[in-house]
Amino acid sequence: MVTETLPFGPETLVFKVAGKMFAATGLDEEMFRVNLKCNPERAQQLREAHPQIIPGWHMNKKHWNTVYFEDGLPEDLLRELIDHSYMLVVGKMPKRDREAVLQALEQL
């Protein structure tokens, strides 16, 4: 249920679930980084614990982090942050849409 779009031009790839953004990355950046949605309290904790995680670049800095993927963070943490962002967006969807996404996930 993930789609890839280029709504801001050819240099920014956006990942969406049911039409809602949960991740974005610049395609022309020197270092691979991804903006990911995050629970505000957890976002702050992550920033304090990891210099590779900073307030979201060009995003609401309370709800988004920019995560540098090629700078030493464990792969399991990176995967978990992507999943967390995805599920935050799904959790805010209307019940019908949320149930459809969760049902599709169960079928994977």
N, C-alpha and C. Protein backbone atom coordinates (compact mmCIF):
# COMPACT_ATOMS: atom_id res chain seq x y z
N MET A 1 0.80 -1.18 0.00
CA MET A 1 0.00 0.00 0.00
C MET A 1 0.86 1.26 0.00
N VAL A 2 2.11 1.13 -0.31
CA VAL A 2 3.00 2.28 -0.37
C VAL A 2 3.13 2.72 -1.82
N THR A 3 3.03 4.05 -2.02
CA THR A 3 3.26 4.60 -3.34
C THR A 3 4.43 5.57 -3.26
N GLU A 4 5.12 5.71 -4.38
CA GLU A 4 6.23 6.65 -4.50
C GLU A 4 5.78 7.76 -5.44
N THR A 5 5.98 9.01 -5.01
CA THR A 5 5.57 10.15 -5.82
C THR A 5 6.68 11.20 -5.83
N LEU A 6 6.56 12.13 -6.74
CA LEU A 6 7.50 13.25 -6.85
C LEU A 6 6.71 14.56 -6.82
N PRO A 7 5.94 14.83 -5.76
CA PRO A 7 5.06 16.00 -5.76
C PRO A 7 5.78 17.34 -5.67
N PHE A 8 7.02 17.34 -5.22
CA PHE A 8 7.78 18.59 -5.05
C PHE A 8 8.80 18.79 -6.16
N GLY A 9 8.75 17.97 -7.17
CA GLY A 9 9.70 18.05 -8.27
C GLY A 9 10.54 16.79 -8.35
N PRO A 10 11.35 16.67 -9.39
CA PRO A 10 12.09 15.42 -9.63
C PRO A 10 13.20 15.13 -8.64
N GLU A 11 13.51 16.06 -7.75
CA GLU A 11 14.61 15.83 -6.82
C GLU A 11 14.17 15.34 -5.44
N THR A 12 12.84 15.24 -5.19
CA THR A 12 12.36 14.80 -3.87
C THR A 12 11.38 13.64 -4.03
N LEU A 13 11.79 12.48 -3.53
CA LEU A 13 10.96 11.28 -3.58
C LEU A 13 10.16 11.18 -2.29
N VAL A 14 8.84 11.04 -2.41
CA VAL A 14 7.94 10.97 -1.27
C VAL A 14 7.26 9.60 -1.27
N PHE A 15 7.24 8.99 -0.09
CA PHE A 15 6.57 7.70 0.10
C PHE A 15 5.27 7.97 0.85
N LYS A 16 4.19 7.38 0.33
CA LYS A 16 2.87 7.60 0.92
C LYS A 16 2.16 6.28 1.18
N VAL A 17 1.33 6.29 2.21
CA VAL A 17 0.43 5.18 2.48
C VAL A 17 -0.98 5.75 2.38
N ALA A 18 -1.79 5.17 1.51
CA ALA A 18 -3.15 5.64 1.26
C ALA A 18 -3.18 7.14 1.02
N GLY A 19 -2.21 7.63 0.26
CA GLY A 19 -2.17 9.03 -0.12
C GLY A 19 -1.58 9.98 0.91
N LYS A 20 -1.12 9.46 2.04
CA LYS A 20 -0.56 10.30 3.11
C LYS A 20 0.94 10.05 3.24
N MET A 21 1.71 11.13 3.27
CA MET A 21 3.17 11.03 3.33
C MET A 21 3.66 10.50 4.68
N PHE A 22 4.60 9.54 4.62
CA PHE A 22 5.26 9.08 5.84
C PHE A 22 6.78 9.14 5.73
N ALA A 23 7.30 9.39 4.53
CA ALA A 23 8.75 9.49 4.36
C ALA A 23 9.05 10.31 3.10
N ALA A 24 10.18 11.02 3.16
CA ALA A 24 10.62 11.80 1.99
C ALA A 24 12.14 11.85 2.00
N THR A 25 12.70 11.83 0.79
CA THR A 25 14.15 11.89 0.67
C THR A 25 14.54 12.69 -0.57
N GLY A 26 15.64 13.39 -0.46
CA GLY A 26 16.18 14.11 -1.59
C GLY A 26 17.00 13.18 -2.46
N LEU A 27 16.74 13.19 -3.75
CA LEU A 27 17.44 12.29 -4.65
C LEU A 27 18.79 12.83 -5.09
N ASP A 28 19.04 14.10 -4.84
CA ASP A 28 20.30 14.69 -5.29
C ASP A 28 21.21 15.09 -4.13
N GLU A 29 20.98 14.51 -2.96
CA GLU A 29 21.78 14.82 -1.78
C GLU A 29 23.08 14.02 -1.77
N GLU A 30 24.12 14.59 -1.20
CA GLU A 30 25.39 13.88 -1.08
C GLU A 30 25.28 12.71 -0.11
N MET A 31 24.63 12.94 1.03
CA MET A 31 24.43 11.89 2.03
C MET A 31 22.96 11.48 2.01
N PHE A 32 22.71 10.17 2.04
CA PHE A 32 21.34 9.67 2.00
C PHE A 32 20.68 9.93 3.35
N ARG A 33 19.64 10.74 3.31
CA ARG A 33 18.87 11.05 4.51
C ARG A 33 17.39 10.97 4.18
N VAL A 34 16.59 10.66 5.19
CA VAL A 34 15.16 10.49 5.00
C VAL A 34 14.43 11.23 6.11
N ASN A 35 13.41 11.98 5.73
CA ASN A 35 12.52 12.60 6.71
C ASN A 35 11.46 11.57 7.09
N LEU A 36 11.33 11.33 8.40
CA LEU A 36 10.36 10.36 8.90
C LEU A 36 9.53 10.98 10.01
N LYS A 37 8.25 10.70 9.99
CA LYS A 37 7.35 11.17 11.04
C LYS A 37 7.70 10.43 12.33
N CYS A 38 7.51 11.11 13.47
CA CYS A 38 7.86 10.49 14.74
C CYS A 38 7.03 11.10 15.86
N ASN A 39 6.68 10.29 16.83
CA ASN A 39 6.04 10.77 18.04
C ASN A 39 6.92 11.86 18.64
N PRO A 40 6.36 13.02 19.01
CA PRO A 40 7.20 14.14 19.47
C PRO A 40 8.15 13.82 20.62
N GLU A 41 7.68 13.09 21.63
CA GLU A 41 8.56 12.76 22.75
C GLU A 41 9.69 11.84 22.30
N ARG A 42 9.35 10.88 21.51
CA ARG A 42 10.36 9.95 21.01
C ARG A 42 11.32 10.65 20.06
N ALA A 43 10.82 11.57 19.28
CA ALA A 43 11.68 12.31 18.35
C ALA A 43 12.79 13.01 19.11
N GLN A 44 12.43 13.65 20.21
CA GLN A 44 13.42 14.35 21.02
C GLN A 44 14.43 13.39 21.63
N GLN A 45 13.95 12.26 22.12
CA GLN A 45 14.85 11.25 22.71
C GLN A 45 15.84 10.73 21.67
N LEU A 46 15.35 10.47 20.47
CA LEU A 46 16.21 9.97 19.40
C LEU A 46 17.28 11.00 19.04
N ARG A 47 16.88 12.25 18.96
CA ARG A 47 17.83 13.32 18.63
C ARG A 47 18.92 13.44 19.68
N GLU A 48 18.55 13.28 20.95
CA GLU A 48 19.52 13.37 22.03
C GLU A 48 20.47 12.17 22.05
N ALA A 49 19.98 11.01 21.63
CA ALA A 49 20.78 9.79 21.67
C ALA A 49 21.64 9.56 20.43
N HIS A 50 21.25 10.14 19.31
CA HIS A 50 21.92 9.84 18.03
C HIS A 50 22.19 11.13 17.25
N PRO A 51 23.43 11.49 17.04
CA PRO A 51 23.72 12.69 16.25
C PRO A 51 23.28 12.56 14.78
N GLN A 52 23.00 11.34 14.33
CA GLN A 52 22.55 11.12 12.95
C GLN A 52 21.06 11.44 12.77
N ILE A 53 20.39 11.80 13.86
CA ILE A 53 18.96 12.11 13.80
C ILE A 53 18.79 13.56 14.27
N ILE A 54 18.25 14.38 13.37
CA ILE A 54 18.09 15.80 13.65
C ILE A 54 16.64 16.22 13.37
N PRO A 55 16.24 17.41 13.82
CA PRO A 55 14.88 17.88 13.50
C PRO A 55 14.64 17.86 11.99
N GLY A 56 13.42 17.54 11.61
CA GLY A 56 13.08 17.36 10.20
C GLY A 56 13.40 18.55 9.32
N TRP A 57 14.20 18.31 8.29
CA TRP A 57 14.58 19.33 7.33
C TRP A 57 13.37 19.73 6.51
N HIS A 58 13.01 21.00 6.52
CA HIS A 58 11.85 21.54 5.79
C HIS A 58 10.53 20.91 6.23
N MET A 59 10.47 20.44 7.47
CA MET A 59 9.26 19.80 7.98
C MET A 59 8.91 20.39 9.34
N ASN A 60 7.75 20.03 9.88
CA ASN A 60 7.39 20.40 11.24
C ASN A 60 8.35 19.67 12.17
N LYS A 61 9.22 20.41 12.81
CA LYS A 61 10.30 19.82 13.58
C LYS A 61 9.83 19.12 14.85
N LYS A 62 8.60 19.34 15.24
CA LYS A 62 8.05 18.64 16.40
C LYS A 62 7.68 17.19 16.03
N HIS A 63 7.24 16.99 14.80
CA HIS A 63 6.70 15.69 14.39
C HIS A 63 7.56 14.94 13.37
N TRP A 64 8.63 15.56 12.90
CA TRP A 64 9.44 14.92 11.87
C TRP A 64 10.92 14.97 12.24
N ASN A 65 11.62 13.89 11.94
CA ASN A 65 13.07 13.82 12.07
C ASN A 65 13.70 13.62 10.70
N THR A 66 14.89 14.13 10.53
CA THR A 66 15.72 13.77 9.39
C THR A 66 16.73 12.77 9.90
N VAL A 67 16.78 11.62 9.25
CA VAL A 67 17.63 10.51 9.68
C VAL A 67 18.68 10.25 8.60
N TYR A 68 19.95 10.33 9.00
CA TYR A 68 21.05 10.02 8.08
C TYR A 68 21.27 8.51 8.09
N PHE A 69 21.02 7.88 6.96
CA PHE A 69 21.02 6.43 6.87
C PHE A 69 22.40 5.81 6.72
N GLU A 70 23.38 6.55 6.26
CA GLU A 70 24.69 5.97 5.97
C GLU A 70 25.74 6.45 6.97
N ASP A 71 25.30 6.71 8.19
CA ASP A 71 26.20 7.31 9.15
C ASP A 71 26.27 6.52 10.46
N GLY A 72 26.11 5.19 10.38
CA GLY A 72 26.38 4.33 11.52
C GLY A 72 25.21 3.88 12.36
N LEU A 73 23.98 4.27 12.03
CA LEU A 73 22.84 3.77 12.81
C LEU A 73 22.59 2.30 12.47
N PRO A 74 22.21 1.50 13.47
CA PRO A 74 21.92 0.09 13.21
C PRO A 74 20.75 -0.08 12.24
N GLU A 75 20.87 -1.06 11.36
CA GLU A 75 19.83 -1.30 10.37
C GLU A 75 18.48 -1.59 11.02
N ASP A 76 18.47 -2.31 12.13
CA ASP A 76 17.19 -2.61 12.79
C ASP A 76 16.52 -1.35 13.31
N LEU A 77 17.30 -0.37 13.78
CA LEU A 77 16.73 0.90 14.21
C LEU A 77 16.16 1.65 13.01
N LEU A 78 16.86 1.67 11.90
CA LEU A 78 16.37 2.35 10.70
C LEU A 78 15.04 1.76 10.25
N ARG A 79 14.97 0.43 10.23
CA ARG A 79 13.72 -0.23 9.83
C ARG A 79 12.58 0.11 10.80
N GLU A 80 12.91 0.12 12.08
CA GLU A 80 11.90 0.42 13.09
C GLU A 80 11.40 1.85 12.96
N LEU A 81 12.28 2.79 12.63
CA LEU A 81 11.88 4.19 12.46
C LEU A 81 10.96 4.36 11.24
N ILE A 82 11.25 3.63 10.18
CA ILE A 82 10.38 3.66 9.01
C ILE A 82 9.00 3.11 9.36
N ASP A 83 8.99 1.95 10.05
CA ASP A 83 7.71 1.35 10.46
C ASP A 83 6.93 2.27 11.39
N HIS A 84 7.63 2.92 12.32
CA HIS A 84 6.99 3.84 13.27
C HIS A 84 6.33 4.99 12.51
N SER A 85 7.02 5.56 11.55
CA SER A 85 6.47 6.65 10.75
C SER A 85 5.22 6.19 10.00
N TYR A 86 5.33 5.04 9.37
CA TYR A 86 4.21 4.46 8.61
C TYR A 86 2.99 4.29 9.51
N MET A 87 3.20 3.67 10.69
CA MET A 87 2.08 3.38 11.58
C MET A 87 1.50 4.65 12.21
N LEU A 88 2.31 5.67 12.44
CA LEU A 88 1.76 6.94 12.92
C LEU A 88 0.77 7.52 11.92
N VAL A 89 1.14 7.47 10.66
CA VAL A 89 0.27 7.99 9.61
C VAL A 89 -0.99 7.13 9.49
N VAL A 90 -0.83 5.82 9.51
CA VAL A 90 -1.98 4.92 9.44
C VAL A 90 -2.92 5.16 10.64
N GLY A 91 -2.34 5.35 11.81
CA GLY A 91 -3.13 5.55 13.01
C GLY A 91 -3.99 6.80 13.00
N LYS A 92 -3.66 7.77 12.19
CA LYS A 92 -4.43 9.02 12.10
C LYS A 92 -5.49 8.98 11.00
N MET A 93 -5.54 7.88 10.26
CA MET A 93 -6.50 7.78 9.17
C MET A 93 -7.90 7.53 9.71
N PRO A 94 -8.92 7.87 8.92
CA PRO A 94 -10.28 7.48 9.30
C PRO A 94 -10.34 5.95 9.46
N LYS A 95 -11.22 5.49 10.31
CA LYS A 95 -11.30 4.06 10.66
C LYS A 95 -11.36 3.15 9.45
N ARG A 96 -12.19 3.49 8.49
CA ARG A 96 -12.35 2.63 7.30
C ARG A 96 -11.02 2.49 6.53
N ASP A 97 -10.34 3.62 6.33
CA ASP A 97 -9.06 3.60 5.62
C ASP A 97 -8.00 2.85 6.42
N ARG A 98 -7.95 3.12 7.73
CA ARG A 98 -6.98 2.46 8.60
C ARG A 98 -7.18 0.94 8.57
N GLU A 99 -8.41 0.50 8.67
CA GLU A 99 -8.70 -0.94 8.65
C GLU A 99 -8.30 -1.57 7.32
N ALA A 100 -8.51 -0.87 6.23
CA ALA A 100 -8.13 -1.39 4.91
C ALA A 100 -6.61 -1.56 4.82
N VAL A 101 -5.86 -0.57 5.33
CA VAL A 101 -4.39 -0.66 5.29
C VAL A 101 -3.92 -1.81 6.18
N LEU A 102 -4.46 -1.91 7.38
CA LEU A 102 -4.04 -2.98 8.30
C LEU A 102 -4.40 -4.35 7.76
N GLN A 103 -5.54 -4.46 7.11
CA GLN A 103 -5.92 -5.73 6.50
C GLN A 103 -4.96 -6.10 5.37
N ALA A 104 -4.57 -5.13 4.57
CA ALA A 104 -3.60 -5.39 3.49
C ALA A 104 -2.26 -5.82 4.06
N LEU A 105 -1.84 -5.22 5.17
CA LEU A 105 -0.58 -5.61 5.82
C LEU A 105 -0.62 -7.05 6.29
N GLU A 106 -1.77 -7.47 6.82
CA GLU A 106 -1.89 -8.85 7.30
C GLU A 106 -1.75 -9.86 6.17
N GLN A 107 -2.09 -9.46 4.96
CA GLN A 107 -2.03 -10.37 3.82
C GLN A 107 -0.63 -10.50 3.23
N LEU A 108 0.30 -9.66 3.68
CA LEU A 108 1.68 -9.73 3.17
C LEU A 108 2.43 -10.91 3.74
